[in-house]
PDB file of N, CA and C in Angstrom:
ATOM      1  N   MET A   1     -18.245  49.817 -11.177  1.00  0.00           N
ATOM      2  CA  MET A   1     -19.677  50.380 -10.326  1.00  0.00           C
ATOM      3  C   MET A   1     -19.254  49.757  -8.935  1.00  0.00           C
ATOM      4  N   ALA A   2     -19.703  50.871  -7.822  1.00  0.00           N
ATOM      5  CA  ALA A   2     -19.670  50.678  -6.430  1.00  0.00           C
ATOM      6  C   ALA A   2     -21.066  49.922  -6.486  1.00  0.00           C
ATOM      7  N   THR A   3     -21.277  49.095  -5.024  1.00  0.00           N
ATOM      8  CA  THR A   3     -21.835  48.161  -4.588  1.00  0.00           C
ATOM      9  C   THR A   3     -22.823  48.664  -3.748  1.00  0.00           C
ATOM     10  N   ALA A   4     -23.852  49.196  -3.708  1.00  0.00           N
ATOM     11  CA  ALA A   4     -25.157  50.223  -2.932  1.00  0.00           C
ATOM     12  C   ALA A   4     -25.059  48.796  -1.658  1.00  0.00           C
ATOM     13  N   THR A   5     -24.784  49.845  -0.400  1.00  0.00           N
ATOM     14  CA  THR A   5     -25.179  48.984   1.022  1.00  0.00           C
ATOM     15  C   THR A   5     -26.377  48.502   0.887  1.00  0.00           C
ATOM     16  N   TRP A   6     -27.241  48.952   0.395  1.00  0.00           N
ATOM     17  CA  TRP A   6     -29.020  48.128   0.405  1.00  0.00           C
ATOM     18  C   TRP A   6     -28.644  46.943   0.003  1.00  0.00           C
ATOM     19  N   ALA A   7     -27.910  46.676  -1.171  1.00  0.00           N
ATOM     20  CA  ALA A   7     -27.767  45.372  -1.971  1.00  0.00           C
ATOM     21  C   ALA A   7     -27.241  44.252  -1.281  1.00  0.00           C
ATOM     22  N   ILE A   8     -25.839  44.992   0.198  1.00  0.00           N
ATOM     23  CA  ILE A   8     -25.360  44.027   0.593  1.00  0.00           C
ATOM     24  C   ILE A   8     -26.208  43.313   1.516  1.00  0.00           C
ATOM     25  N   ILE A   9     -26.977  44.145   2.259  1.00  0.00           N
ATOM     26  CA  ILE A   9     -27.951  44.060   3.273  1.00  0.00           C
ATOM     27  C   ILE A   9     -28.533  43.068   2.710  1.00  0.00           C
ATOM     28  N   ALA A  10     -29.416  43.282   1.482  1.00  0.00           N
ATOM     29  CA  ALA A  10     -30.648  42.142   0.870  1.00  0.00           C
ATOM     30  C   ALA A  10     -30.194  41.316   0.842  1.00  0.00           C
ATOM     31  N   MET A  11     -28.670  41.288   0.047  1.00  0.00           N
ATOM     32  CA  MET A  11     -27.939  39.618  -0.185  1.00  0.00           C
ATOM     33  C   MET A  11     -27.728  38.748   1.217  1.00  0.00           C
ATOM     34  N   MET A  12     -27.542  39.091   2.405  1.00  0.00           N
ATOM     35  CA  MET A  12     -27.690  38.912   3.496  1.00  0.00           C
ATOM     36  C   MET A  12     -29.192  38.465   4.201  1.00  0.00           C
ATOM     37  N   VAL A  13     -30.045  39.275   3.981  1.00  0.00           N
ATOM     38  CA  VAL A  13     -31.676  38.328   3.907  1.00  0.00           C
ATOM     39  C   VAL A  13     -31.558  37.711   3.019  1.00  0.00           C
ATOM     40  N   VAL A  14     -31.011  37.633   2.181  1.00  0.00           N
ATOM     41  CA  VAL A  14     -31.183  35.974   0.792  1.00  0.00           C
ATOM     42  C   VAL A  14     -30.585  35.104   1.512  1.00  0.00           C
ATOM     43  N   SER A  15     -29.559  35.028   2.234  1.00  0.00           N
ATOM     44  CA  SER A  15     -28.664  34.015   2.706  1.00  0.00           C
ATOM     45  C   SER A  15     -29.681  33.894   4.222  1.00  0.00           C
ATOM     46  N   ILE A  16     -30.153  34.638   4.788  1.00  0.00           N
ATOM     47  CA  ILE A  16     -31.464  33.794   5.768  1.00  0.00           C
ATOM     48  C   ILE A  16     -32.586  33.034   5.243  1.00  0.00           C
ATOM     49  N   VAL A  17     -32.994  33.529   3.888  1.00  0.00           N
ATOM     50  CA  VAL A  17     -34.193  33.178   3.631  1.00  0.00           C
ATOM     51  C   VAL A  17     -33.581  31.771   2.763  1.00  0.00           C
ATOM     52  N   SER A  18     -32.919  31.690   2.450  1.00  0.00           N
ATOM     53  CA  SER A  18     -32.075  30.792   1.867  1.00  0.00           C
ATOM     54  C   SER A  18     -31.865  29.421   2.450  1.00  0.00           C
ATOM     55  N   ALA A  19     -31.399  29.646   4.169  1.00  0.00           N
ATOM     56  CA  ALA A  19     -31.377  28.783   4.558  1.00  0.00           C
ATOM     57  C   ALA A  19     -32.820  28.246   5.237  1.00  0.00           C
ATOM     58  N   MET A  20     -33.587  29.152   5.317  1.00  0.00           N
ATOM     59  CA  MET A  20     -34.916  28.534   5.525  1.00  0.00           C
ATOM     60  C   MET A  20     -35.382  27.771   5.052  1.00  0.00           C
ATOM     61  N   ALA A  21     -35.063  28.134   3.557  1.00  0.00           N
ATOM     62  CA  ALA A  21     -35.683  27.313   2.333  1.00  0.00           C
ATOM     63  C   ALA A  21     -34.729  25.662   2.582  1.00  0.00           C
ATOM     64  N   THR A  22     -33.474  25.436   2.693  1.00  0.00           N
ATOM     65  CA  THR A  22     -32.750  24.359   2.985  1.00  0.00           C
ATOM     66  C   THR A  22     -33.252  23.493   4.009  1.00  0.00           C
ATOM     67  N   PHE A  23     -33.514  24.202   5.069  1.00  0.00           N
ATOM     68  CA  PHE A  23     -34.850  23.525   6.045  1.00  0.00           C
ATOM     69  C   PHE A  23     -35.569  22.828   6.129  1.00  0.00           C
ATOM     70  N   PHE A  24     -36.474  23.464   5.389  1.00  0.00           N
ATOM     71  CA  PHE A  24     -38.191  22.851   4.662  1.00  0.00           C
ATOM     72  C   PHE A  24     -37.653  21.823   3.602  1.00  0.00           C
ATOM     73  N   LEU A  25     -36.749  21.974   3.093  1.00  0.00           N
ATOM     74  CA  LEU A  25     -36.254  20.811   1.981  1.00  0.00           C
ATOM     75  C   LEU A  25     -35.722  19.587   2.608  1.00  0.00           C
ATOM     76  N   LYS A  26     -35.129  19.756   3.615  1.00  0.00           N
ATOM     77  CA  LYS A  26     -34.602  18.750   4.741  1.00  0.00           C
ATOM     78  C   LYS A  26     -35.767  18.078   5.319  1.00  0.00           C
ATOM     79  N   LEU A  27     -36.598  18.672   6.067  1.00  0.00           N
ATOM     80  CA  LEU A  27     -37.775  18.027   6.296  1.00  0.00           C
ATOM     81  C   LEU A  27     -38.429  17.465   5.342  1.00  0.00           C
ATOM     82  N   ALA A  28     -38.878  18.129   4.354  1.00  0.00           N
ATOM     83  CA  ALA A  28     -39.506  17.294   3.431  1.00  0.00           C
ATOM     84  C   ALA A  28     -39.023  16.138   2.347  1.00  0.00           C
ATOM     85  N   ALA A  29     -37.641  15.895   2.696  1.00  0.00           N
ATOM     86  CA  ALA A  29     -36.831  15.124   1.805  1.00  0.00           C
ATOM     87  C   ALA A  29     -37.409  13.641   2.272  1.00  0.00           C
ATOM     88  N   PRO A  30     -37.585  13.246   3.616  1.00  0.00           N
ATOM     89  CA  PRO A  30     -37.869  12.076   3.700  1.00  0.00           C
ATOM     90  C   PRO A  30     -39.262  11.361   3.125  1.00  0.00           C
ATOM     91  N   LYS A  31     -40.491  12.423   2.876  1.00  0.00           N
ATOM     92  CA  LYS A  31     -41.662  12.003   2.057  1.00  0.00           C
ATOM     93  C   LYS A  31     -41.457  12.425   0.486  1.00  0.00           C
ATOM     94  N   MET A  32     -40.180  12.175   0.312  1.00  0.00           N
ATOM     95  CA  MET A  32     -40.133  13.030  -1.472  1.00  0.00           C
ATOM     96  C   MET A  32     -40.513  11.428  -2.153  1.00  0.00           C
ATOM     97  N   THR A  33     -41.089  11.370  -2.878  1.00  0.00           N
ATOM     98  CA  THR A  33     -41.559  10.020  -4.085  1.00  0.00           C
ATOM     99  C   THR A  33     -41.713  10.968  -5.326  1.00  0.00           C
ATOM    100  N   LEU A  34     -41.647   9.945  -6.225  1.00  0.00           N
ATOM    101  CA  LEU A  34     -41.724  10.664  -7.848  1.00  0.00           C
ATOM    102  C   LEU A  34     -43.375  10.516  -8.262  1.00  0.00           C
ATOM    103  N   ASN A  35     -44.204  10.264  -6.849  1.00  0.00           N
ATOM    104  CA  ASN A  35     -45.896  10.659  -7.058  1.00  0.00           C
ATOM    105  C   ASN A  35     -46.112  12.017  -7.183  1.00  0.00           C
ATOM    106  N   LEU A  36     -46.415  12.874  -8.221  1.00  0.00           N
ATOM    107  CA  LEU A  36     -46.852  14.026  -8.149  1.00  0.00           C
ATOM    108  C   LEU A  36     -47.846  14.579  -7.288  1.00  0.00           C
ATOM    109  N   GLY A  37     -49.151  13.802  -7.509  1.00  0.00           N
ATOM    110  CA  GLY A  37     -49.844  13.983  -6.457  1.00  0.00           C
ATOM    111  C   GLY A  37     -49.583  14.169  -5.004  1.00  0.00           C
ATOM    112  N   LYS A  38     -48.783  13.093  -4.389  1.00  0.00           N
ATOM    113  CA  LYS A  38     -48.278  13.130  -3.456  1.00  0.00           C
ATOM    114  C   LYS A  38     -47.336  14.347  -2.791  1.00  0.00           C
ATOM    115  N   LEU A  39     -46.100  14.453  -4.046  1.00  0.00           N
ATOM    116  CA  LEU A  39     -45.628  16.025  -3.883  1.00  0.00           C
ATOM    117  C   LEU A  39     -45.954  17.199  -3.767  1.00  0.00           C
ATOM    118  N   LEU A  40     -47.515  17.313  -4.500  1.00  0.00           N
ATOM    119  CA  LEU A  40     -48.238  18.079  -4.138  1.00  0.00           C
ATOM    120  C   LEU A  40     -49.040  18.507  -2.711  1.00  0.00           C
ATOM    121  N   LYS A  41     -48.476  17.435  -2.469  1.00  0.00           N
ATOM    122  CA  LYS A  41     -49.147  17.503  -0.764  1.00  0.00           C
ATOM    123  C   LYS A  41     -48.144  17.465   0.070  1.00  0.00           C
ATOM    124  N   ASN A  42     -46.988  17.709  -0.467  1.00  0.00           N
ATOM    125  CA  ASN A  42     -45.664  17.727   0.693  1.00  0.00           C
ATOM    126  C   ASN A  42     -45.915  19.293   0.802  1.00  0.00           C
ATOM    127  N   TRP A  43     -45.997  20.192   2.229  1.00  0.00           N
ATOM    128  CA  TRP A  43     -45.869  21.063   2.306  1.00  0.00           C
ATOM    129  C   TRP A  43     -44.655  21.640   2.547  1.00  0.00           C
ATOM    130  N   ARG A  44     -43.434  20.805   3.151  1.00  0.00           N
ATOM    131  CA  ARG A  44     -42.821  21.168   3.500  1.00  0.00           C
ATOM    132  C   ARG A  44     -41.620  21.642   1.806  1.00  0.00           C
ATOM    133  N   LEU A  45     -42.217  20.753   1.448  1.00  0.00           N
ATOM    134  CA  LEU A  45     -41.521  21.394   0.263  1.00  0.00           C
ATOM    135  C   LEU A  45     -41.962  21.920  -0.814  1.00  0.00           C
ATOM    136  N   ILE A  46     -43.252  22.137  -0.737  1.00  0.00           N
ATOM    137  CA  ILE A  46     -43.879  23.573  -1.177  1.00  0.00           C
ATOM    138  C   ILE A  46     -43.223  24.705  -0.687  1.00  0.00           C
ATOM    139  N   LEU A  47     -43.253  24.491   0.644  1.00  0.00           N
ATOM    140  CA  LEU A  47     -42.351  25.760   1.236  1.00  0.00           C
ATOM    141  C   LEU A  47     -40.975  25.993   1.230  1.00  0.00           C
ATOM    142  N   GLY A  48     -40.599  24.784   0.872  1.00  0.00           N
ATOM    143  CA  GLY A  48     -38.762  25.332   0.822  1.00  0.00           C
ATOM    144  C   GLY A  48     -38.891  25.863  -0.386  1.00  0.00           C
ATOM    145  N   LEU A  49     -39.770  25.363  -1.326  1.00  0.00           N
ATOM    146  CA  LEU A  49     -39.241  25.908  -2.770  1.00  0.00           C
ATOM    147  C   LEU A  49     -39.951  26.976  -3.046  1.00  0.00           C
ATOM    148  N   PHE A  50     -40.683  28.077  -2.071  1.00  0.00           N
ATOM    149  CA  PHE A  50     -41.341  29.269  -1.956  1.00  0.00           C
ATOM    150  C   PHE A  50     -40.307  30.275  -1.280  1.00  0.00           C
ATOM    151  N   PHE A  51     -39.744  29.755  -0.274  1.00  0.00           N
ATOM    152  CA  PHE A  51     -38.662  30.002  -0.069  1.00  0.00           C
ATOM    153  C   PHE A  51     -37.467  30.828  -0.920  1.00  0.00           C
ATOM    154  N   TYR A  52     -36.798  29.498  -1.512  1.00  0.00           N
ATOM    155  CA  TYR A  52     -36.241  30.029  -2.791  1.00  0.00           C
ATOM    156  C   TYR A  52     -36.391  30.716  -3.880  1.00  0.00           C
ATOM    157  N   GLY A  53     -37.452  30.587  -4.096  1.00  0.00           N
ATOM    158  CA  GLY A  53     -37.978  31.837  -4.938  1.00  0.00           C
ATOM    159  C   GLY A  53     -38.208  33.231  -4.659  1.00  0.00           C
ATOM    160  N   ILE A  54     -38.383  33.375  -3.229  1.00  0.00           N
ATOM    161  CA  ILE A  54     -38.286  34.440  -2.405  1.00  0.00           C
ATOM    162  C   ILE A  54     -37.038  35.204  -2.633  1.00  0.00           C
ATOM    163  N   SER A  55     -35.762  33.881  -2.110  1.00  0.00           N
ATOM    164  CA  SER A  55     -34.676  34.763  -2.170  1.00  0.00           C
ATOM    165  C   SER A  55     -34.533  34.779  -3.655  1.00  0.00           C
ATOM    166  N   VAL A  56     -34.682  34.577  -4.982  1.00  0.00           N
ATOM    167  CA  VAL A  56     -34.415  35.242  -6.239  1.00  0.00           C
ATOM    168  C   VAL A  56     -34.783  35.955  -6.345  1.00  0.00           C
ATOM    169  N   ILE A  57     -36.597  36.503  -5.632  1.00  0.00           N
ATOM    170  CA  ILE A  57     -37.061  37.592  -5.925  1.00  0.00           C
ATOM    171  C   ILE A  57     -36.117  38.863  -5.133  1.00  0.00           C
ATOM    172  N   ILE A  58     -35.339  38.433  -4.424  1.00  0.00           N
ATOM    173  CA  ILE A  58     -34.478  39.195  -3.249  1.00  0.00           C
ATOM    174  C   ILE A  58     -33.632  40.157  -3.999  1.00  0.00           C
ATOM    175  N   SER A  59     -32.953  38.709  -4.575  1.00  0.00           N
ATOM    176  CA  SER A  59     -31.725  38.644  -4.849  1.00  0.00           C
ATOM    177  C   SER A  59     -31.510  39.563  -6.648  1.00  0.00           C
ATOM    178  N   LEU A  60     -32.334  39.913  -7.338  1.00  0.00           N
ATOM    179  CA  LEU A  60     -32.502  40.319  -8.479  1.00  0.00           C
ATOM    180  C   LEU A  60     -31.941  41.856  -8.492  1.00  0.00           C
ATOM    181  N   PRO A  61     -32.951  42.493  -7.692  1.00  0.00           N
ATOM    182  CA  PRO A  61     -33.051  44.359  -7.936  1.00  0.00           C
ATOM    183  C   PRO A  61     -31.546  44.575  -7.277  1.00  0.00           C
ATOM    184  N   ALA A  62     -31.247  43.405  -6.190  1.00  0.00           N
ATOM    185  CA  ALA A  62     -30.046  43.556  -5.354  1.00  0.00           C
ATOM    186  C   ALA A  62     -28.652  43.636  -6.234  1.00  0.00           C
ATOM    187  N   MET A  63     -28.440  42.499  -7.312  1.00  0.00           N
ATOM    188  CA  MET A  63     -27.892  42.290  -8.467  1.00  0.00           C
ATOM    189  C   MET A  63     -27.593  43.414  -9.371  1.00  0.00           C
ATOM    190  N   ARG A  64     -28.302  44.436  -9.288  1.00  0.00           N
ATOM    191  CA  ARG A  64     -28.641  45.394 -10.396  1.00  0.00           C
ATOM    192  C   ARG A  64     -27.567  46.276  -9.524  1.00  0.00           C
ATOM    193  N   ALA A  65     -27.895  46.809  -8.796  1.00  0.00           N
ATOM    194  CA  ALA A  65     -27.182  47.706  -7.545  1.00  0.00           C
ATOM    195  C   ALA A  65     -25.817  47.558  -7.123  1.00  0.00           C
ATOM    196  N   GLY A  66     -24.675  46.410  -7.694  1.00  0.00           N
ATOM    197  CA  GLY A  66     -23.269  46.153  -7.182  1.00  0.00           C
ATOM    198  C   GLY A  66     -22.856  45.043  -7.876  1.00  0.00           C
ATOM    199  N   GLU A  67     -21.356  45.050  -7.698  1.00  0.00           N
ATOM    200  CA  GLU A  67     -21.209  44.009  -8.210  1.00  0.00           C
ATOM    201  C   GLU A  67     -21.178  42.458  -7.752  1.00  0.00           C
ATOM    202  N   LEU A  68     -21.597  41.828  -8.670  1.00  0.00           N
ATOM    203  CA  LEU A  68     -21.821  40.182  -8.342  1.00  0.00           C
ATOM    204  C   LEU A  68     -20.536  39.957  -7.561  1.00  0.00           C
ATOM    205  N   SER A  69     -19.318  40.236  -7.703  1.00  0.00           N
ATOM    206  CA  SER A  69     -18.025  39.494  -7.261  1.00  0.00           C
ATOM    207  C   SER A  69     -17.797  40.177  -5.385  1.00  0.00           C
ATOM    208  N   VAL A  70     -18.537  41.204  -5.012  1.00  0.00           N
ATOM    209  CA  VAL A  70     -19.347  41.412  -3.949  1.00  0.00           C
ATOM    210  C   VAL A  70     -20.374  40.776  -3.744  1.00  0.00           C
ATOM    211  N   LEU A  71     -21.316  41.045  -4.057  1.00  0.00           N
ATOM    212  CA  LEU A  71     -22.912  40.465  -3.607  1.00  0.00           C
ATOM    213  C   LEU A  71     -22.672  39.236  -3.284  1.00  0.00           C
ATOM    214  N   TYR A  72     -22.745  38.061  -4.314  1.00  0.00           N
ATOM    215  CA  TYR A  72     -22.569  36.878  -3.919  1.00  0.00           C
ATOM    216  C   TYR A  72     -21.737  36.062  -3.044  1.00  0.00           C
ATOM    217  N   PRO A  73     -20.657  36.097  -3.038  1.00  0.00           N
ATOM    218  CA  PRO A  73     -20.447  35.534  -1.737  1.00  0.00           C
ATOM    219  C   PRO A  73     -21.298  35.852  -0.329  1.00  0.00           C
ATOM    220  N   PHE A  74     -22.092  36.780  -0.118  1.00  0.00           N
ATOM    221  CA  PHE A  74     -22.544  37.414   1.479  1.00  0.00           C
ATOM    222  C   PHE A  74     -23.576  36.268   0.743  1.00  0.00           C
ATOM    223  N   VAL A  75     -24.469  35.259  -0.059  1.00  0.00           N
ATOM    224  CA  VAL A  75     -25.015  33.998   0.006  1.00  0.00           C
ATOM    225  C   VAL A  75     -24.010  33.161   0.470  1.00  0.00           C
ATOM    226  N   ALA A  76     -22.789  32.964   0.960  1.00  0.00           N
ATOM    227  CA  ALA A  76     -22.099  32.105   1.586  1.00  0.00           C
ATOM    228  C   ALA A  76     -22.759  32.136   3.362  1.00  0.00           C
ATOM    229  N   LEU A  77     -23.572  33.037   3.450  1.00  0.00           N
ATOM    230  CA  LEU A  77     -23.613  33.200   5.050  1.00  0.00           C
ATOM    231  C   LEU A  77     -25.063  32.209   5.237  1.00  0.00           C
ATOM    232  N   GLN A  78     -25.594  31.893   4.015  1.00  0.00           N
ATOM    233  CA  GLN A  78     -26.539  30.595   4.367  1.00  0.00           C
ATOM    234  C   GLN A  78     -26.041  29.485   5.103  1.00  0.00           C
ATOM    235  N   TYR A  79     -24.813  29.149   4.853  1.00  0.00           N
ATOM    236  CA  TYR A  79     -24.008  27.922   5.377  1.00  0.00           C
ATOM    237  C   TYR A  79     -23.795  28.196   7.097  1.00  0.00           C
ATOM    238  N   VAL A  80     -23.933  29.375   7.276  1.00  0.00           N
ATOM    239  CA  VAL A  80     -24.044  29.994   9.079  1.00  0.00           C
ATOM    240  C   VAL A  80     -25.092  29.319   9.370  1.00  0.00           C
ATOM    241  N   TRP A  81     -26.257  30.004   8.953  1.00  0.00           N
ATOM    242  CA  TRP A  81     -27.284  30.318   9.429  1.00  0.00           C
ATOM    243  C   TRP A  81     -27.979  28.695   9.171  1.00  0.00           C
ATOM    244  N   THR A  82     -27.579  28.199   8.259  1.00  0.00           N
ATOM    245  CA  THR A  82     -28.091  26.335   8.465  1.00  0.00           C
ATOM    246  C   THR A  82     -27.895  25.753   9.352  1.00  0.00           C
ATOM    247  N   GLY A  83     -26.477  26.382   9.958  1.00  0.00           N
ATOM    248  CA  GLY A  83     -26.035  25.542  10.934  1.00  0.00           C
ATOM    249  C   GLY A  83     -26.586  25.735  12.173  1.00  0.00           C
ATOM    250  N   PHE A  84     -26.943  27.464  12.346  1.00  0.00           N
ATOM    251  CA  PHE A  84     -27.436  27.233  13.707  1.00  0.00           C
ATOM    252  C   PHE A  84     -28.785  26.501  13.248  1.00  0.00           C
ATOM    253  N   ILE A  85     -29.456  26.708  12.435  1.00  0.00           N
ATOM    254  CA  ILE A  85     -31.029  26.228  12.526  1.00  0.00           C
ATOM    255  C   ILE A  85     -31.063  24.764  12.465  1.00  0.00           C
ATOM    256  N   SER A  86     -29.631  24.216  12.002  1.00  0.00           N
ATOM    257  CA  SER A  86     -29.523  22.427  12.014  1.00  0.00           C
ATOM    258  C   SER A  86     -29.447  22.167  13.707  1.00  0.00           C
ATOM    259  N   MET A  87     -28.984  23.003  14.463  1.00  0.00           N
ATOM    260  CA  MET A  87     -28.369  22.773  15.964  1.00  0.00           C
ATOM    261  C   MET A  87     -29.708  22.886  16.446  1.00  0.00           C
ATOM    262  N   LYS A  88     -30.173  24.120  16.436  1.00  0.00           N
ATOM    263  CA  LYS A  88     -31.785  23.862  17.079  1.00  0.00           C
ATOM    264  C   LYS A  88     -32.533  23.370  16.870  1.00  0.00           C
ATOM    265  N   TYR A  89     -32.781  23.249  15.738  1.00  0.00           N
ATOM    266  CA  TYR A  89     -34.326  22.473  15.510  1.00  0.00           C
ATOM    267  C   TYR A  89     -33.864  21.471  14.855  1.00  0.00           C
ATOM    268  N   LEU A  90     -33.167  20.643  14.802  1.00  0.00           N
ATOM    269  CA  LEU A  90     -32.741  19.108  14.352  1.00  0.00           C
ATOM    270  C   LEU A  90     -31.893  18.429  15.137  1.00  0.00           C
ATOM    271  N   LYS A  91     -31.067  19.173  15.990  1.00  0.00           N
ATOM    272  CA  LYS A  91     -30.897  18.828  17.108  1.00  0.00           C
ATOM    273  C   LYS A  91     -29.203  18.396  16.680  1.00  0.00           C
ATOM    274  N   GLU A  92     -28.776  18.862  15.509  1.00  0.00           N
ATOM    275  CA  GLU A  92     -27.384  18.268  15.264  1.00  0.00           C
ATOM    276  C   GLU A  92     -26.275  18.907  15.655  1.00  0.00           C
ATOM    277  N   LYS A  93     -25.185  18.230  15.697  1.00  0.00           N
ATOM    278  CA  LYS A  93     -24.111  18.524  16.960  1.00  0.00           C
ATOM    279  C   LYS A  93     -22.905  19.274  15.704  1.00  0.00           C
ATOM    280  N   MET A  94     -22.416  20.490  15.856  1.00  0.00           N
ATOM    281  CA  MET A  94     -20.999  21.280  15.490  1.00  0.00           C
ATOM    282  C   MET A  94     -20.244  20.879  15.842  1.00  0.00           C
ATOM    283  N   THR A  95     -19.364  20.307  14.928  1.00  0.00           N
ATOM    284  CA  THR A  95     -18.045  19.671  15.553  1.00  0.00           C
ATOM    285  C   THR A  95     -16.913  20.586  15.439  1.00  0.00           C
ATOM    286  N   VAL A  96     -15.731  21.051  15.862  1.00  0.00           N
ATOM    287  CA  VAL A  96     -14.671  21.692  15.951  1.00  0.00           C
ATOM    288  C   VAL A  96     -14.381  22.021  14.415  1.00  0.00           C
ATOM    289  N   LEU A  97     -14.276  21.300  14.038  1.00  0.00           N
ATOM    290  CA  LEU A  97     -14.195  21.551  12.121  1.00  0.00           C
ATOM    291  C   LEU A  97     -15.394  22.261  11.832  1.00  0.00           C
ATOM    292  N   LYS A  98     -16.414  21.994  11.842  1.00  0.00           N
ATOM    293  CA  LYS A  98     -17.959  22.802  11.214  1.00  0.00           C
ATOM    294  C   LYS A  98     -17.553  24.370  11.634  1.00  0.00           C
ATOM    295  N   TRP A  99     -17.344  24.561  13.262  1.00  0.00           N
ATOM    296  CA  TRP A  99     -17.224  26.068  14.080  1.00  0.00           C
ATOM    297  C   TRP A  99     -15.733  26.526  12.923  1.00  0.00           C
ATOM    298  N   ALA A 100     -14.635  25.745  12.826  1.00  0.00           N
ATOM    299  CA  ALA A 100     -13.804  26.678  12.078  1.00  0.00           C
ATOM    300  C   ALA A 100     -14.213  27.095  10.539  1.00  0.00           C
ATOM    301  N   GLY A 101     -15.227  25.750  10.007  1.00  0.00           N
ATOM    302  CA  GLY A 101     -15.625  26.193   8.593  1.00  0.00           C
ATOM    303  C   GLY A 101     -16.493  27.674   8.760  1.00  0.00           C
ATOM    304  N   VAL A 102     -17.566  27.676  10.076  1.00  0.00           N
ATOM    305  CA  VAL A 102     -18.244  28.862   9.830  1.00  0.00           C
ATOM    306  C   VAL A 102     -17.635  30.078  10.157  1.00  0.00           C
ATOM    307  N   GLY A 103     -16.410  30.391  10.842  1.00  0.00           N
ATOM    308  CA  GLY A 103     -15.302  31.133  11.066  1.00  0.00           C
ATOM    309  C   GLY A 103     -15.078  31.683   9.910  1.00  0.00           C
ATOM    310  N   LEU A 104     -14.342  30.852   8.728  1.00  0.00           N
ATOM    311  CA  LEU A 104     -14.107  31.236   7.985  1.00  0.00           C
ATOM    312  C   LEU A 104     -14.541  31.732   6.715  1.00  0.00           C
ATOM    313  N   ILE A 105     -16.257  31.487   6.740  1.00  0.00           N
ATOM    314  CA  ILE A 105     -17.211  31.845   6.023  1.00  0.00           C
ATOM    315  C   ILE A 105     -17.317  33.133   6.449  1.00  0.00           C
ATOM    316  N   ILE A 106     -17.436  33.526   7.865  1.00  0.00           N
ATOM    317  CA  ILE A 106     -17.671  34.873   8.432  1.00  0.00           C
ATOM    318  C   ILE A 106     -16.301  35.779   8.223  1.00  0.00           C
ATOM    319  N   VAL A 107     -15.416  35.283   7.948  1.00  0.00           N
ATOM    320  CA  VAL A 107     -13.953  36.010   7.948  1.00  0.00           C
ATOM    321  C   VAL A 107     -13.757  36.514   6.490  1.00  0.00           C
ATOM    322  N   GLY A 108     -13.874  35.602   5.352  1.00  0.00           N
ATOM    323  CA  GLY A 108     -14.318  35.686   4.068  1.00  0.00           C
ATOM    324  C   GLY A 108     -15.168  36.873   3.659  1.00  0.00           C
ATOM    325  N   VAL A 109     -16.457  36.467   4.234  1.00  0.00           N
ATOM    326  CA  VAL A 109     -17.292  37.621   3.982  1.00  0.00           C
ATOM    327  C   VAL A 109     -17.287  38.936   3.937  1.00  0.00           C
ATOM    328  N   SER A 110     -16.240  39.040   5.676  1.00  0.00           N
ATOM    329  CA  SER A 110     -16.396  40.415   5.723  1.00  0.00           C
ATOM    330  C   SER A 110     -15.007  41.249   5.206  1.00  0.00           C
ATOM    331  N   LEU A 111     -14.111  40.011   4.646  1.00  0.00           N
ATOM    332  CA  LEU A 111     -13.421  40.927   3.681  1.00  0.00           C
ATOM    333  C   LEU A 111     -13.511  40.997   2.733  1.00  0.00           C
ATOM    334  N   ILE A 112     -14.640  40.462   1.936  1.00  0.00           N
ATOM    335  CA  ILE A 112     -14.778  40.862   0.619  1.00  0.00           C
ATOM    336  C   ILE A 112     -16.064  42.224   1.284  1.00  0.00           C
ATOM    337  N   GLY A 113     -16.775  42.358   2.113  1.00  0.00           N
ATOM    338  CA  GLY A 113     -17.444  43.828   2.573  1.00  0.00           C
ATOM    339  C   GLY A 113     -16.543  44.527   2.838  1.00  0.00           C
ATOM    340  N   ILE A 114     -15.625  44.540   3.497  1.00  0.00           N
ATOM    341  CA  ILE A 114     -14.365  45.520   3.686  1.00  0.00           C
ATOM    342  C   ILE A 114     -13.761  45.867   2.114  1.00  0.00           C
ATOM    343  N   GLY A 115     -13.573  45.230   1.828  1.00  0.00           N
ATOM    344  CA  GLY A 115     -12.861  45.550   0.566  1.00  0.00           C
ATOM    345  C   GLY A 115     -13.221  46.621  -0.542  1.00  0.00           C
ATOM    346  N   GLN A 116     -14.459  45.875  -0.358  1.00  0.00           N
ATOM    347  CA  GLN A 116     -15.396  46.199  -1.934  1.00  0.00           C
ATOM    348  C   GLN A 116     -15.157  48.127  -1.659  1.00  0.00           C
TER     349      GLN A 116
END
């Protein structure tokens, strides 16, 4: 089964939306509690879960249009976007090893994209 180009692009969008979900869950974490009432008022948690839901909805039709072994590695780009988001908005530092990891992810995903 050949993988449609639009499906690869959709999975790249999924990686961006998932990175946004992770960011909002990180912001929600300090206010996490077992109190259901407080959980439902934690808008960052709700937004993070919403973005994860959107990423699932986008990925389902994409997975029908191609090979899972080609499409799912594109989700790894989430770690690249999360790195940039954490630097910009959380003021986290990127070390040489973190940049090396980002580079390896990009190379790996590129090889899979070219190889399909």
